[in-house]
C-alpha atoms as a PDB file:
ATOM      1  CA  MET A   1     -49.245 209.939  37.030  1.00  0.00           C
ATOM      2  CA  MET A   2     -48.681 206.576  35.335  1.00  0.00           C
ATOM      3  CA  THR A   3     -47.661 206.618  31.564  1.00  0.00           C
ATOM      4  CA  ARG A   4     -48.238 203.555  29.245  1.00  0.00           C
ATOM      5  CA  LYS A   5     -45.202 201.573  28.242  1.00  0.00           C
ATOM      6  CA  TYR A   6     -47.031 200.808  24.837  1.00  0.00           C
ATOM      7  CA  PRO A   7     -49.831 202.548  23.054  1.00  0.00           C
ATOM      8  CA  LEU A   8     -53.287 201.336  22.784  1.00  0.00           C
ATOM      9  CA  LEU A   9     -54.706 200.306  19.445  1.00  0.00           C
ATOM     10  CA  THR A  10     -56.963 202.527  17.705  1.00  0.00           C
ATOM     11  CA  LYS A  11     -60.552 201.301  17.040  1.00  0.00           C
ATOM     12  CA  GLU A  12     -59.529 200.560  13.363  1.00  0.00           C
ATOM     13  CA  GLU A  13     -56.616 198.436  14.578  1.00  0.00           C
ATOM     14  CA  GLN A  14     -58.814 196.529  17.060  1.00  0.00           C
ATOM     15  CA  GLU A  15     -61.364 195.886  14.266  1.00  0.00           C
ATOM     16  CA  GLU A  16     -58.574 194.585  11.929  1.00  0.00           C
ATOM     17  CA  LEU A  17     -57.183 192.277  14.411  1.00  0.00           C
ATOM     18  CA  ARG A  18     -60.644 190.761  15.458  1.00  0.00           C
ATOM     19  CA  ARG A  19     -61.464 190.375  11.614  1.00  0.00           C
ATOM     20  CA  MET A  20     -58.077 188.869  10.751  1.00  0.00           C
ATOM     21  CA  ARG A  21     -58.677 186.338  13.845  1.00  0.00           C
ATOM     22  CA  LYS A  22     -62.299 185.485  12.452  1.00  0.00           C
ATOM     23  CA  GLU A  23     -60.929 185.054   9.032  1.00  0.00           C
ATOM     24  CA  ALA A  24     -58.267 182.756  10.181  1.00  0.00           C
ATOM     25  CA  ASN A  25     -61.213 180.723  11.969  1.00  0.00           C
ATOM     26  CA  ILE A  26     -59.276 180.595  15.256  1.00  0.00           C
ATOM     27  CA  SER A  27     -60.512 181.181  18.770  1.00  0.00           C
ATOM     28  CA  ILE A  28     -58.954 183.434  21.256  1.00  0.00           C
ATOM     29  CA  PRO A  29     -57.677 180.645  23.439  1.00  0.00           C
ATOM     30  CA  LYS A  30     -56.194 178.787  20.570  1.00  0.00           C
ATOM     31  CA  ILE A  31     -54.107 181.916  19.331  1.00  0.00           C
ATOM     32  CA  ALA A  32     -53.223 182.660  22.929  1.00  0.00           C
ATOM     33  CA  GLU A  33     -51.790 179.089  23.126  1.00  0.00           C
ATOM     34  CA  TYR A  34     -50.082 179.582  19.724  1.00  0.00           C
ATOM     35  CA  MET A  35     -48.336 182.839  20.914  1.00  0.00           C
ATOM     36  CA  HIS A  36     -47.662 181.502  24.548  1.00  0.00           C
ATOM     37  CA  THR A  37     -49.775 183.990  26.396  1.00  0.00           C
ATOM     38  CA  TYR A  38     -53.166 184.156  27.941  1.00  0.00           C
ATOM     39  CA  PRO A  39     -56.550 184.620  26.426  1.00  0.00           C
ATOM     40  CA  SER A  40     -57.043 187.739  28.505  1.00  0.00           C
ATOM     41  CA  LYS A  41     -54.083 189.530  26.833  1.00  0.00           C
ATOM     42  CA  ILE A  42     -55.640 188.767  23.338  1.00  0.00           C
ATOM     43  CA  GLN A  43     -59.090 189.935  24.588  1.00  0.00           C
ATOM     44  CA  GLN A  44     -57.508 192.926  25.811  1.00  0.00           C
ATOM     45  CA  LEU A  45     -55.722 193.962  22.703  1.00  0.00           C
ATOM     46  CA  GLU A  46     -59.019 193.278  20.484  1.00  0.00           C
ATOM     47  CA  SER A  47     -60.957 195.656  22.973  1.00  0.00           C
ATOM     48  CA  GLY A  48     -58.309 198.384  23.592  1.00  0.00           C
ATOM     49  CA  LYS A  49     -58.117 197.890  27.132  1.00  0.00           C
ATOM     50  CA  LYS A  50     -54.353 197.445  27.194  1.00  0.00           C
ATOM     51  CA  GLY A  51     -51.199 198.581  25.399  1.00  0.00           C
ATOM     52  CA  VAL A  52     -49.391 196.211  23.253  1.00  0.00           C
ATOM     53  CA  ASP A  53     -45.594 195.806  22.231  1.00  0.00           C
ATOM     54  CA  PRO A  54     -45.471 196.520  18.452  1.00  0.00           C
ATOM     55  CA  ASP A  55     -43.340 193.416  18.052  1.00  0.00           C
ATOM     56  CA  PHE A  56     -45.916 191.267  19.524  1.00  0.00           C
ATOM     57  CA  LEU A  57     -48.638 192.713  17.615  1.00  0.00           C
ATOM     58  CA  GLU A  58     -46.602 191.953  14.496  1.00  0.00           C
ATOM     59  CA  LYS A  59     -46.196 188.298  15.469  1.00  0.00           C
ATOM     60  CA  VAL A  60     -49.888 188.081  15.877  1.00  0.00           C
ATOM     61  CA  LYS A  61     -50.804 189.451  12.702  1.00  0.00           C
ATOM     62  CA  LYS A  62     -48.132 187.370  10.977  1.00  0.00           C
ATOM     63  CA  ARG A  63     -49.631 184.182  12.570  1.00  0.00           C
ATOM     64  CA  TYR A  64     -53.385 185.233  11.585  1.00  0.00           C
ATOM     65  CA  GLN A  65     -51.804 185.625   7.834  1.00  0.00           C
ATOM     66  CA  LEU A  66     -50.256 182.306   7.826  1.00  0.00           C
ATOM     67  CA  LEU A  67     -53.442 180.674   9.143  1.00  0.00           C
ATOM     68  CA  ILE A  68     -55.456 182.586   6.677  1.00  0.00           C
ATOM     69  CA  LYS A  69     -53.071 181.666   3.560  1.00  0.00           C
ATOM     70  CA  TYR A  70     -53.041 177.870   4.328  1.00  0.00           C
ATOM     71  CA  LYS A  71     -56.519 177.504   6.043  1.00  0.00           C
ATOM     72  CA  ASP A  72     -57.916 175.594   3.057  1.00  0.00           C
ATOM     73  CA  ILE A  73     -54.819 173.073   2.641  1.00  0.00           C
END
């Protein structure tokens, strides 16, 4: 039996990530480009289909927070 290296996000965490991305007004392909990853990885995070490294998750959230904070400048 295979065990997951990283935990899946809860429904609440998935929704928070999706909400933050939409509030930052950024597309999945664009955030993937910023994070040097594939759009499918971001989609899998938001849909809970793949576990996530906690460090990567924090980096994504920090990027969203910066985009939200400075979107009107």
